[in-house]
């Protein structure tokens, strides 16, 4: 029973967090950019495009809530900080171990007229 209550509480928390982000974004867009852009951002959200909402959350947290930009970035894109270490590791690995300059074995076996 407690697992179910924990799951329901977590789901309600996620829904409230997302609804708060949308409300902050729409409030900022309505006040600073105009009501047309706020409605357009909501329409984009219905089409599963979250970029206008994320931009509105970021700018709304900075301008309306007067939060530092890093905290606003965490609020706007919370998964960014879980992806960032992998992106950095990939870039470092590409720099330390570059791809070879010679052709791959599949390209080397092709006839001369098939190569581009």
N, C-alpha and C. Protein backbone atom coordinates (compact mmCIF):
# COMPACT_ATOMS: atom_id res chain seq x y z
N UNK A 1 0.82 -1.19 0.00
CA UNK A 1 0.00 0.00 0.00
C UNK A 1 0.86 1.26 0.00
N UNK A 2 1.97 1.23 0.74
CA UNK A 2 2.83 2.42 0.80
C UNK A 2 3.55 2.66 -0.52
N UNK A 3 3.83 1.58 -1.27
CA UNK A 3 4.45 1.77 -2.58
C UNK A 3 3.51 2.48 -3.53
N UNK A 4 2.25 2.12 -3.47
CA UNK A 4 1.28 2.76 -4.34
C UNK A 4 1.11 4.22 -3.96
N UNK A 5 1.08 4.53 -2.69
CA UNK A 5 0.97 5.92 -2.25
C UNK A 5 2.20 6.72 -2.65
N UNK A 6 3.37 6.10 -2.57
CA UNK A 6 4.60 6.78 -2.98
C UNK A 6 4.58 7.06 -4.48
N UNK A 7 4.12 6.09 -5.25
CA UNK A 7 4.05 6.27 -6.71
C UNK A 7 3.04 7.36 -7.07
N UNK A 8 1.90 7.37 -6.39
CA UNK A 8 0.90 8.40 -6.67
C UNK A 8 1.42 9.77 -6.28
N UNK A 9 2.11 9.86 -5.14
CA UNK A 9 2.67 11.15 -4.71
C UNK A 9 3.75 11.63 -5.68
N UNK A 10 4.57 10.71 -6.18
CA UNK A 10 5.60 11.09 -7.15
C UNK A 10 4.96 11.56 -8.46
N UNK A 11 3.92 10.88 -8.91
CA UNK A 11 3.23 11.29 -10.13
C UNK A 11 2.58 12.66 -9.97
N UNK A 12 1.95 12.90 -8.82
CA UNK A 12 1.34 14.20 -8.57
C UNK A 12 2.42 15.29 -8.52
N UNK A 13 3.57 14.99 -7.92
CA UNK A 13 4.67 15.95 -7.88
C UNK A 13 5.19 16.30 -9.25
N UNK A 14 5.33 15.30 -10.12
CA UNK A 14 5.80 15.55 -11.48
C UNK A 14 4.79 16.40 -12.25
N UNK A 15 3.51 16.07 -12.10
CA UNK A 15 2.47 16.84 -12.80
C UNK A 15 2.47 18.28 -12.32
N UNK A 16 2.58 18.50 -11.01
CA UNK A 16 2.61 19.87 -10.48
C UNK A 16 3.85 20.63 -10.95
N UNK A 17 4.99 19.95 -11.00
CA UNK A 17 6.22 20.59 -11.47
C UNK A 17 6.08 21.04 -12.92
N UNK A 18 5.55 20.15 -13.76
CA UNK A 18 5.38 20.49 -15.17
C UNK A 18 4.34 21.58 -15.38
N UNK A 19 3.24 21.51 -14.61
CA UNK A 19 2.21 22.54 -14.73
C UNK A 19 2.74 23.89 -14.26
N UNK A 20 3.56 23.90 -13.23
CA UNK A 20 4.18 25.14 -12.78
C UNK A 20 5.12 25.73 -13.81
N UNK A 21 5.87 24.87 -14.48
CA UNK A 21 6.76 25.36 -15.54
C UNK A 21 5.97 25.96 -16.69
N UNK A 22 4.89 25.30 -17.07
CA UNK A 22 4.06 25.84 -18.17
C UNK A 22 3.44 27.16 -17.75
N UNK A 23 2.96 27.24 -16.50
CA UNK A 23 2.35 28.48 -16.02
C UNK A 23 3.36 29.62 -16.00
N UNK A 24 4.59 29.35 -15.53
CA UNK A 24 5.63 30.37 -15.52
C UNK A 24 5.97 30.82 -16.94
N UNK A 25 6.07 29.88 -17.84
CA UNK A 25 6.39 30.22 -19.23
C UNK A 25 5.30 31.06 -19.88
N UNK A 26 4.06 30.65 -19.70
CA UNK A 26 2.95 31.39 -20.30
C UNK A 26 2.84 32.78 -19.67
N UNK A 27 3.05 32.88 -18.37
CA UNK A 27 2.99 34.19 -17.71
C UNK A 27 4.08 35.12 -18.25
N UNK A 28 5.29 34.60 -18.40
CA UNK A 28 6.37 35.45 -18.94
C UNK A 28 6.08 35.84 -20.38
N UNK A 29 5.70 34.87 -21.21
CA UNK A 29 5.44 35.19 -22.61
C UNK A 29 4.29 36.17 -22.75
N UNK A 30 3.25 36.02 -21.93
CA UNK A 30 2.10 36.91 -22.00
C UNK A 30 2.51 38.34 -21.61
N UNK A 31 3.33 38.48 -20.57
CA UNK A 31 3.69 39.81 -20.07
C UNK A 31 4.75 40.50 -20.93
N UNK A 32 5.76 39.77 -21.35
CA UNK A 32 6.89 40.42 -22.04
C UNK A 32 6.80 40.36 -23.56
N UNK A 33 6.31 39.28 -24.11
CA UNK A 33 6.32 39.13 -25.56
C UNK A 33 4.95 39.42 -26.17
N UNK A 34 3.90 39.01 -25.48
CA UNK A 34 2.55 39.27 -25.96
C UNK A 34 1.68 38.04 -25.88
N UNK A 35 0.38 38.24 -25.83
CA UNK A 35 -0.53 37.11 -25.69
C UNK A 35 -0.53 36.16 -26.88
N UNK A 36 -0.21 36.67 -28.06
CA UNK A 36 -0.18 35.80 -29.24
C UNK A 36 0.91 34.76 -29.08
N UNK A 37 2.07 35.17 -28.59
CA UNK A 37 3.18 34.23 -28.41
C UNK A 37 2.90 33.24 -27.29
N UNK A 38 2.18 33.66 -26.26
CA UNK A 38 1.82 32.74 -25.18
C UNK A 38 0.88 31.65 -25.69
N UNK A 39 -0.09 32.05 -26.48
CA UNK A 39 -1.01 31.07 -27.06
C UNK A 39 -0.28 30.18 -28.06
N UNK A 40 0.64 30.75 -28.82
CA UNK A 40 1.42 29.95 -29.77
C UNK A 40 2.30 28.94 -29.04
N UNK A 41 2.85 29.31 -27.89
CA UNK A 41 3.66 28.36 -27.12
C UNK A 41 2.80 27.23 -26.59
N UNK A 42 1.59 27.55 -26.16
CA UNK A 42 0.68 26.48 -25.70
C UNK A 42 0.28 25.57 -26.86
N UNK A 43 0.06 26.15 -28.03
CA UNK A 43 -0.27 25.34 -29.20
C UNK A 43 0.92 24.45 -29.58
N UNK A 44 2.13 24.99 -29.48
CA UNK A 44 3.32 24.19 -29.77
C UNK A 44 3.47 23.05 -28.76
N UNK A 45 3.08 23.30 -27.52
CA UNK A 45 3.15 22.26 -26.50
C UNK A 45 2.17 21.13 -26.83
N UNK A 46 1.01 21.48 -27.37
CA UNK A 46 0.06 20.44 -27.78
C UNK A 46 0.60 19.62 -28.93
N UNK A 47 1.49 20.20 -29.73
CA UNK A 47 2.13 19.48 -30.83
C UNK A 47 3.42 18.80 -30.40
N UNK A 48 3.66 18.73 -29.09
CA UNK A 48 4.83 18.08 -28.48
C UNK A 48 6.14 18.81 -28.80
N UNK A 49 6.07 20.10 -29.04
CA UNK A 49 7.26 20.93 -29.24
C UNK A 49 7.49 21.70 -27.95
N UNK A 50 8.54 21.39 -27.24
CA UNK A 50 8.73 21.99 -25.92
C UNK A 50 9.71 23.16 -25.91
N UNK A 51 10.32 23.46 -27.03
CA UNK A 51 11.32 24.53 -27.05
C UNK A 51 10.75 25.90 -26.66
N UNK A 52 9.58 26.32 -27.17
CA UNK A 52 9.05 27.63 -26.73
C UNK A 52 8.75 27.67 -25.23
N UNK A 53 8.26 26.57 -24.68
CA UNK A 53 7.98 26.52 -23.25
C UNK A 53 9.28 26.57 -22.46
N UNK A 54 10.30 25.84 -22.89
CA UNK A 54 11.59 25.86 -22.18
C UNK A 54 12.23 27.24 -22.22
N UNK A 55 12.16 27.89 -23.36
CA UNK A 55 12.70 29.25 -23.47
C UNK A 55 11.93 30.20 -22.56
N UNK A 56 10.61 30.06 -22.54
CA UNK A 56 9.79 30.90 -21.66
C UNK A 56 10.07 30.65 -20.19
N UNK A 57 10.29 29.39 -19.82
CA UNK A 57 10.63 29.06 -18.42
C UNK A 57 11.97 29.68 -18.05
N UNK A 58 12.95 29.54 -18.93
CA UNK A 58 14.28 30.09 -18.64
C UNK A 58 14.23 31.61 -18.47
N UNK A 59 13.62 32.29 -19.44
CA UNK A 59 13.55 33.75 -19.38
C UNK A 59 12.62 34.22 -18.27
N UNK A 60 11.55 33.47 -18.01
CA UNK A 60 10.64 33.84 -16.92
C UNK A 60 11.29 33.69 -15.56
N UNK A 61 12.08 32.65 -15.38
CA UNK A 61 12.78 32.48 -14.10
C UNK A 61 13.81 33.59 -13.89
N UNK A 62 14.43 34.04 -14.96
CA UNK A 62 15.41 35.12 -14.83
C UNK A 62 14.72 36.46 -14.61
N UNK A 63 13.72 36.78 -15.44
CA UNK A 63 13.12 38.11 -15.42
C UNK A 63 12.01 38.27 -14.38
N UNK A 64 11.17 37.26 -14.21
CA UNK A 64 10.06 37.39 -13.27
C UNK A 64 10.44 36.98 -11.85
N UNK A 65 11.17 35.89 -11.72
CA UNK A 65 11.54 35.39 -10.40
C UNK A 65 12.89 35.90 -9.91
N UNK A 66 13.66 36.51 -10.82
CA UNK A 66 14.98 37.06 -10.51
C UNK A 66 15.93 35.99 -9.97
N UNK A 67 15.89 34.82 -10.60
CA UNK A 67 16.79 33.74 -10.23
C UNK A 67 18.07 33.86 -11.04
N UNK A 68 19.19 33.32 -10.55
CA UNK A 68 20.42 33.28 -11.36
C UNK A 68 20.22 32.41 -12.60
N UNK A 69 21.01 32.65 -13.63
CA UNK A 69 20.80 31.96 -14.89
C UNK A 69 21.03 30.46 -14.78
N UNK A 70 21.94 30.03 -13.91
CA UNK A 70 22.21 28.60 -13.79
C UNK A 70 21.02 27.87 -13.17
N UNK A 71 20.41 28.46 -12.17
CA UNK A 71 19.22 27.86 -11.54
C UNK A 71 18.06 27.87 -12.54
N UNK A 72 17.95 28.94 -13.32
CA UNK A 72 16.91 29.00 -14.34
C UNK A 72 17.13 27.93 -15.41
N UNK A 73 18.38 27.67 -15.75
CA UNK A 73 18.69 26.62 -16.73
C UNK A 73 18.34 25.25 -16.18
N UNK A 74 18.61 25.02 -14.90
CA UNK A 74 18.24 23.75 -14.29
C UNK A 74 16.73 23.58 -14.27
N UNK A 75 16.00 24.65 -14.02
CA UNK A 75 14.55 24.58 -14.02
C UNK A 75 14.01 24.34 -15.43
N UNK A 76 14.61 24.97 -16.42
CA UNK A 76 14.12 24.86 -17.80
C UNK A 76 14.50 23.52 -18.43
N UNK A 77 15.68 23.02 -18.17
CA UNK A 77 16.15 21.77 -18.79
C UNK A 77 16.83 20.90 -17.74
N UNK A 78 16.05 20.24 -16.89
CA UNK A 78 16.66 19.48 -15.79
C UNK A 78 17.48 18.27 -16.25
N UNK A 79 17.14 17.68 -17.39
CA UNK A 79 17.89 16.51 -17.86
C UNK A 79 19.20 16.87 -18.51
N UNK A 80 19.43 18.14 -18.76
CA UNK A 80 20.66 18.56 -19.40
C UNK A 80 21.89 18.17 -18.57
N UNK A 81 21.77 18.25 -17.28
CA UNK A 81 22.91 17.98 -16.42
C UNK A 81 23.16 16.49 -16.23
N UNK A 82 22.23 15.64 -16.65
CA UNK A 82 22.51 14.20 -16.65
C UNK A 82 23.14 13.78 -17.97
N UNK A 83 22.89 14.54 -19.04
CA UNK A 83 23.42 14.22 -20.35
C UNK A 83 24.81 14.82 -20.54
N UNK A 84 25.08 15.94 -19.91
CA UNK A 84 26.32 16.68 -20.12
C UNK A 84 27.59 15.87 -19.86
N UNK A 85 27.71 15.06 -18.80
CA UNK A 85 28.94 14.29 -18.62
C UNK A 85 29.22 13.32 -19.76
N UNK A 86 28.19 12.69 -20.30
CA UNK A 86 28.38 11.79 -21.43
C UNK A 86 28.83 12.52 -22.68
N UNK A 87 28.26 13.71 -22.92
CA UNK A 87 28.68 14.50 -24.08
C UNK A 87 30.14 14.93 -23.95
N UNK A 88 30.53 15.34 -22.76
CA UNK A 88 31.93 15.74 -22.56
C UNK A 88 32.87 14.55 -22.73
N UNK A 89 32.49 13.39 -22.19
CA UNK A 89 33.34 12.20 -22.33
C UNK A 89 33.47 11.80 -23.79
N UNK A 90 32.40 11.92 -24.56
CA UNK A 90 32.45 11.59 -25.98
C UNK A 90 33.39 12.53 -26.73
N UNK A 91 33.31 13.81 -26.44
CA UNK A 91 34.18 14.78 -27.11
C UNK A 91 35.65 14.56 -26.74
N UNK A 92 35.90 14.27 -25.48
CA UNK A 92 37.28 14.00 -25.06
C UNK A 92 37.80 12.74 -25.73
N UNK A 93 36.97 11.70 -25.82
CA UNK A 93 37.39 10.45 -26.47
C UNK A 93 37.66 10.68 -27.95
N UNK A 94 36.85 11.49 -28.61
CA UNK A 94 37.10 11.78 -30.04
C UNK A 94 38.40 12.54 -30.22
N UNK A 95 38.72 13.38 -29.29
CA UNK A 95 39.96 14.15 -29.39
C UNK A 95 41.19 13.27 -29.10
N UNK A 96 41.06 12.39 -28.11
CA UNK A 96 42.18 11.53 -27.75
C UNK A 96 42.37 10.39 -28.74
N UNK A 97 41.27 9.89 -29.32
CA UNK A 97 41.33 8.76 -30.24
C UNK A 97 40.61 9.13 -31.55
N UNK A 98 41.26 9.91 -32.40
CA UNK A 98 40.60 10.33 -33.64
C UNK A 98 40.40 9.16 -34.59
N UNK A 99 39.48 9.32 -35.50
CA UNK A 99 39.23 8.28 -36.51
C UNK A 99 40.43 8.20 -37.44
N UNK A 100 40.73 7.01 -37.95
CA UNK A 100 41.89 6.87 -38.84
C UNK A 100 41.66 7.58 -40.16
N UNK A 101 42.76 7.99 -40.79
CA UNK A 101 42.70 8.69 -42.06
C UNK A 101 42.58 7.73 -43.24
N UNK A 102 42.96 6.45 -43.08
CA UNK A 102 42.87 5.50 -44.17
C UNK A 102 41.43 5.00 -44.29
N UNK A 103 41.07 4.48 -45.47
CA UNK A 103 39.68 4.04 -45.67
C UNK A 103 39.38 2.78 -44.86
N UNK A 104 38.13 2.58 -44.58
CA UNK A 104 37.71 1.38 -43.85
C UNK A 104 37.89 0.17 -44.76
N UNK A 105 37.93 -1.04 -44.20
CA UNK A 105 38.11 -2.23 -45.05
C UNK A 105 36.99 -2.40 -46.07
N UNK A 106 35.77 -2.00 -45.77
CA UNK A 106 34.68 -2.13 -46.73
C UNK A 106 34.90 -1.21 -47.93
N UNK A 107 35.41 -0.01 -47.70
CA UNK A 107 35.69 0.91 -48.80
C UNK A 107 36.90 0.47 -49.61
N UNK A 108 37.85 -0.17 -48.99
CA UNK A 108 39.06 -0.59 -49.68
C UNK A 108 38.77 -1.73 -50.65
N UNK A 109 37.74 -2.56 -50.39
CA UNK A 109 37.44 -3.70 -51.26
C UNK A 109 36.59 -3.32 -52.45
N UNK A 110 36.02 -2.13 -52.49
CA UNK A 110 35.19 -1.72 -53.60
C UNK A 110 36.04 -1.50 -54.86
N UNK A 111 35.49 -1.76 -56.04
CA UNK A 111 36.25 -1.46 -57.27
C UNK A 111 36.50 0.04 -57.39
N UNK A 112 37.47 0.41 -58.18
CA UNK A 112 37.88 1.79 -58.31
C UNK A 112 36.77 2.66 -58.90
N UNK A 113 35.95 2.12 -59.80
CA UNK A 113 34.90 2.94 -60.40
C UNK A 113 33.72 3.14 -59.46
N UNK A 114 33.56 2.30 -58.42
CA UNK A 114 32.43 2.46 -57.48
C UNK A 114 32.76 3.47 -56.38
N UNK A 115 34.03 3.76 -56.16
CA UNK A 115 34.39 4.70 -55.12
C UNK A 115 34.13 6.12 -55.59
N UNK A 116 33.77 6.98 -54.64
CA UNK A 116 33.49 8.37 -55.00
C UNK A 116 34.56 9.29 -54.54
